[in-house]
Amino acid sequence: MRPLADLDGTVDRVVVDAPCTGAGTWRRNPDAKWRLRPGSLSTRLAEQAAVLDRAGRLVRPGGRISYITCSLLPQENDGALDAFLGRAEGFAVVPARDVVARVLPALADAVRFTRHGLQMSPARTGTDGFYVASLERRG
């Protein structure tokens, strides 16, 4: 059963606060890295794939997915989007530099731009480690 099936292809924006390892919070919660179990990363990657696939079904043509993690691990960030883009047709990355320049230009000097998104880190922003990217469904 898919309780949101009637919304497929109709949603303007889907925000994915992805399940992740929480590696971006280790500065604030150093014990968290020791609570990771073998297989935790692969479990999170599978969950991220499922959530992104669901978001992809919901969003309408011209709509966007905002993908967010509190991880600094590339596998959970650009890697998760690479995998999604390989599975899903009709999606393109919205360049993070363009979004930042339009919405909050002062942020550009504080973040690190990645292939698909942007990453905030304690060293550069004083925040936990976060990753944000945006995808647009074309056609």
C-alpha atoms as a PDB file:
ATOM      1  CA  MET A   1       0.000   0.000   0.000  1.00  0.00           C
ATOM      2  CA  ARG A   2       1.263   3.482  -0.891  1.00  0.00           C
ATOM      3  CA  PRO A   3      -0.653   6.064   1.151  1.00  0.00           C
ATOM      4  CA  LEU A   4       0.643   9.039  -0.878  1.00  0.00           C
ATOM      5  CA  ALA A   5       0.194   7.456  -4.315  1.00  0.00           C
ATOM      6  CA  ASP A   6      -2.505   9.996  -5.233  1.00  0.00           C
ATOM      7  CA  LEU A   7       0.180  12.734  -4.975  1.00  0.00           C
ATOM      8  CA  ASP A   8       2.588  11.112  -7.442  1.00  0.00           C
ATOM      9  CA  GLY A   9       3.787  13.628 -10.008  1.00  0.00           C
ATOM     10  CA  THR A  10       1.970  16.592  -8.409  1.00  0.00           C
ATOM     11  CA  VAL A  11       4.267  18.007  -5.729  1.00  0.00           C
ATOM     12  CA  ASP A  12       6.222  21.240  -6.297  1.00  0.00           C
ATOM     13  CA  ARG A  13       8.955  20.652  -3.708  1.00  0.00           C
ATOM     14  CA  VAL A  14       9.964  17.588  -1.733  1.00  0.00           C
ATOM     15  CA  VAL A  15      12.385  18.121   1.147  1.00  0.00           C
ATOM     16  CA  VAL A  16      14.324  14.981   1.970  1.00  0.00           C
ATOM     17  CA  ASP A  17      15.884  15.075   5.437  1.00  0.00           C
ATOM     18  CA  ALA A  18      17.694  11.857   4.654  1.00  0.00           C
ATOM     19  CA  PRO A  19      18.448   9.162   7.183  1.00  0.00           C
ATOM     20  CA  CYS A  20      22.224   9.184   7.530  1.00  0.00           C
ATOM     21  CA  THR A  21      25.120   8.172   9.743  1.00  0.00           C
ATOM     22  CA  GLY A  22      25.123  11.580  11.420  1.00  0.00           C
ATOM     23  CA  ALA A  23      28.855  11.942  10.744  1.00  0.00           C
ATOM     24  CA  GLY A  24      28.387  15.701  10.578  1.00  0.00           C
ATOM     25  CA  THR A  25      27.458  15.786  14.268  1.00  0.00           C
ATOM     26  CA  TRP A  26      30.520  13.945  15.559  1.00  0.00           C
ATOM     27  CA  ARG A  27      32.192  17.158  16.725  1.00  0.00           C
ATOM     28  CA  ARG A  28      29.269  17.796  19.044  1.00  0.00           C
ATOM     29  CA  ASN A  29      28.571  14.109  19.783  1.00  0.00           C
ATOM     30  CA  PRO A  30      31.962  12.376  19.562  1.00  0.00           C
ATOM     31  CA  ASP A  31      30.621   9.145  21.025  1.00  0.00           C
ATOM     32  CA  ALA A  32      28.236   8.749  18.071  1.00  0.00           C
ATOM     33  CA  LYS A  33      31.003   7.446  15.792  1.00  0.00           C
ATOM     34  CA  TRP A  34      31.617   4.584  18.204  1.00  0.00           C
ATOM     35  CA  ARG A  35      27.945   3.604  18.121  1.00  0.00           C
ATOM     36  CA  LEU A  36      28.041   2.897  14.397  1.00  0.00           C
ATOM     37  CA  ARG A  37      27.813  -0.797  13.730  1.00  0.00           C
ATOM     38  CA  PRO A  38      29.300  -2.726  10.825  1.00  0.00           C
ATOM     39  CA  GLY A  39      26.937  -2.282   7.933  1.00  0.00           C
ATOM     40  CA  SER A  40      25.486   1.023   9.203  1.00  0.00           C
ATOM     41  CA  LEU A  41      26.665   2.957   6.168  1.00  0.00           C
ATOM     42  CA  SER A  42      25.270   0.442   3.687  1.00  0.00           C
ATOM     43  CA  THR A  43      21.966   0.412   5.589  1.00  0.00           C
ATOM     44  CA  ARG A  44      21.772   4.212   5.462  1.00  0.00           C
ATOM     45  CA  LEU A  45      22.625   4.208   1.740  1.00  0.00           C
ATOM     46  CA  ALA A  46      19.773   1.772   1.067  1.00  0.00           C
ATOM     47  CA  GLU A  47      17.385   3.946   3.099  1.00  0.00           C
ATOM     48  CA  GLN A  48      18.544   7.057   1.250  1.00  0.00           C
ATOM     49  CA  ALA A  49      17.941   5.324  -2.081  1.00  0.00           C
ATOM     50  CA  ALA A  50      14.404   4.373  -1.044  1.00  0.00           C
ATOM     51  CA  VAL A  51      13.597   7.893   0.182  1.00  0.00           C
ATOM     52  CA  LEU A  52      15.021   9.526  -2.951  1.00  0.00           C
ATOM     53  CA  ASP A  53      13.101   7.118  -5.189  1.00  0.00           C
ATOM     54  CA  ARG A  54       9.892   7.974  -3.334  1.00  0.00           C
ATOM     55  CA  ALA A  55      10.609  11.700  -3.594  1.00  0.00           C
ATOM     56  CA  GLY A  56      11.253  11.254  -7.307  1.00  0.00           C
ATOM     57  CA  ARG A  57       7.798   9.750  -7.800  1.00  0.00           C
ATOM     58  CA  LEU A  58       6.124  12.587  -5.889  1.00  0.00           C
ATOM     59  CA  VAL A  59       7.680  15.598  -7.606  1.00  0.00           C
ATOM     60  CA  ARG A  60       6.013  17.043 -10.715  1.00  0.00           C
ATOM     61  CA  PRO A  61       7.841  18.091 -13.875  1.00  0.00           C
ATOM     62  CA  GLY A  62       9.476  21.428 -13.032  1.00  0.00           C
ATOM     63  CA  GLY A  63       9.376  20.552  -9.337  1.00  0.00           C
ATOM     64  CA  ARG A  64      12.396  20.061  -7.133  1.00  0.00           C
ATOM     65  CA  ILE A  65      13.825  17.734  -4.545  1.00  0.00           C
ATOM     66  CA  SER A  66      15.937  19.300  -1.788  1.00  0.00           C
ATOM     67  CA  TYR A  67      18.206  16.611  -0.387  1.00  0.00           C
ATOM     68  CA  ILE A  68      19.772  17.206   3.035  1.00  0.00           C
ATOM     69  CA  THR A  69      22.013  15.160   5.314  1.00  0.00           C
ATOM     70  CA  CYS A  70      23.931  15.834   8.499  1.00  0.00           C
ATOM     71  CA  SER A  71      26.853  13.877   7.114  1.00  0.00           C
ATOM     72  CA  LEU A  72      30.234  14.781   5.669  1.00  0.00           C
ATOM     73  CA  LEU A  73      30.647  11.372   4.006  1.00  0.00           C
ATOM     74  CA  PRO A  74      30.689  11.655   0.198  1.00  0.00           C
ATOM     75  CA  GLN A  75      28.845   8.332  -0.175  1.00  0.00           C
ATOM     76  CA  GLU A  76      25.811   9.783   1.613  1.00  0.00           C
ATOM     77  CA  ASN A  77      25.907  13.049  -0.295  1.00  0.00           C
ATOM     78  CA  ASP A  78      27.068  13.332  -3.903  1.00  0.00           C
ATOM     79  CA  GLY A  79      27.303   9.535  -4.016  1.00  0.00           C
ATOM     80  CA  ALA A  80      23.651   9.075  -3.072  1.00  0.00           C
ATOM     81  CA  LEU A  81      22.653  11.571  -5.764  1.00  0.00           C
ATOM     82  CA  ASP A  82      24.887   9.897  -8.359  1.00  0.00           C
ATOM     83  CA  ALA A  83      23.106   6.613  -7.653  1.00  0.00           C
ATOM     84  CA  PHE A  84      19.666   8.265  -7.838  1.00  0.00           C
ATOM     85  CA  LEU A  85      20.486  10.063 -11.098  1.00  0.00           C
ATOM     86  CA  GLY A  86      21.608   6.718 -12.518  1.00  0.00           C
ATOM     87  CA  ARG A  87      18.251   5.134 -11.619  1.00  0.00           C
ATOM     88  CA  ALA A  88      15.813   7.978 -12.246  1.00  0.00           C
ATOM     89  CA  GLU A  89      15.169   9.530 -15.618  1.00  0.00           C
ATOM     90  CA  GLY A  90      14.438  13.188 -16.146  1.00  0.00           C
ATOM     91  CA  PHE A  91      16.247  14.690 -13.149  1.00  0.00           C
ATOM     92  CA  ALA A  92      19.057  17.230 -13.234  1.00  0.00           C
ATOM     93  CA  VAL A  93      21.163  18.817 -10.525  1.00  0.00           C
ATOM     94  CA  VAL A  94      20.377  22.464  -9.800  1.00  0.00           C
ATOM     95  CA  PRO A  95      23.836  24.033  -9.422  1.00  0.00           C
ATOM     96  CA  ALA A  96      24.322  24.932  -5.756  1.00  0.00           C
ATOM     97  CA  ARG A  97      26.428  27.955  -6.688  1.00  0.00           C
ATOM     98  CA  ASP A  98      23.485  29.400  -8.611  1.00  0.00           C
ATOM     99  CA  VAL A  99      21.075  28.840  -5.727  1.00  0.00           C
ATOM    100  CA  VAL A 100      23.454  30.406  -3.188  1.00  0.00           C
ATOM    101  CA  ALA A 101      24.177  33.380  -5.467  1.00  0.00           C
ATOM    102  CA  ARG A 102      20.451  34.048  -5.812  1.00  0.00           C
ATOM    103  CA  VAL A 103      19.260  33.314  -2.272  1.00  0.00           C
ATOM    104  CA  LEU A 104      22.117  34.017   0.141  1.00  0.00           C
ATOM    105  CA  PRO A 105      25.302  35.228  -1.582  1.00  0.00           C
ATOM    106  CA  ALA A 106      27.167  35.786   1.706  1.00  0.00           C
ATOM    107  CA  LEU A 107      27.072  32.011   2.266  1.00  0.00           C
ATOM    108  CA  ALA A 108      29.298  31.334  -0.767  1.00  0.00           C
ATOM    109  CA  ASP A 109      32.541  32.043   1.099  1.00  0.00           C
ATOM    110  CA  ALA A 110      31.602  29.865   4.085  1.00  0.00           C
ATOM    111  CA  VAL A 111      30.631  26.635   2.330  1.00  0.00           C
ATOM    112  CA  ARG A 112      32.430  24.079   0.224  1.00  0.00           C
ATOM    113  CA  PHE A 113      30.768  23.369  -3.084  1.00  0.00           C
ATOM    114  CA  THR A 114      30.737  19.741  -4.155  1.00  0.00           C
ATOM    115  CA  ARG A 115      29.900  18.215  -7.525  1.00  0.00           C
ATOM    116  CA  HIS A 116      26.146  18.320  -6.817  1.00  0.00           C
ATOM    117  CA  GLY A 117      25.572  20.435  -3.716  1.00  0.00           C
ATOM    118  CA  LEU A 118      27.197  22.281  -0.906  1.00  0.00           C
ATOM    119  CA  GLN A 119      28.690  21.211   2.367  1.00  0.00           C
ATOM    120  CA  MET A 120      28.817  23.116   5.621  1.00  0.00           C
ATOM    121  CA  SER A 121      31.401  22.138   8.195  1.00  0.00           C
ATOM    122  CA  PRO A 122      32.237  23.137  11.748  1.00  0.00           C
ATOM    123  CA  ALA A 123      35.576  24.510  10.534  1.00  0.00           C
ATOM    124  CA  ARG A 124      34.029  26.879   7.985  1.00  0.00           C
ATOM    125  CA  THR A 125      30.573  27.703   9.330  1.00  0.00           C
ATOM    126  CA  GLY A 126      30.610  26.824  13.036  1.00  0.00           C
ATOM    127  CA  THR A 127      27.661  24.499  12.407  1.00  0.00           C
ATOM    128  CA  ASP A 128      27.447  20.748  12.408  1.00  0.00           C
ATOM    129  CA  GLY A 129      28.393  19.149   9.120  1.00  0.00           C
ATOM    130  CA  PHE A 130      25.538  19.415   6.625  1.00  0.00           C
ATOM    131  CA  TYR A 131      25.064  18.699   2.949  1.00  0.00           C
ATOM    132  CA  VAL A 132      22.374  20.268   0.786  1.00  0.00           C
ATOM    133  CA  ALA A 133      21.613  19.702  -2.893  1.00  0.00           C
ATOM    134  CA  SER A 134      18.703  20.372  -5.189  1.00  0.00           C
ATOM    135  CA  LEU A 135      17.415  18.324  -8.107  1.00  0.00           C
ATOM    136  CA  GLU A 136      14.846  19.385 -10.673  1.00  0.00           C
ATOM    137  CA  ARG A 137      12.553  17.085 -12.536  1.00  0.00           C
ATOM    138  CA  ARG A 138      12.726  18.014 -16.189  1.00  0.00           C
ATOM    139  CA  GLY A 139       9.954  17.203 -18.630  1.00  0.00           C
END
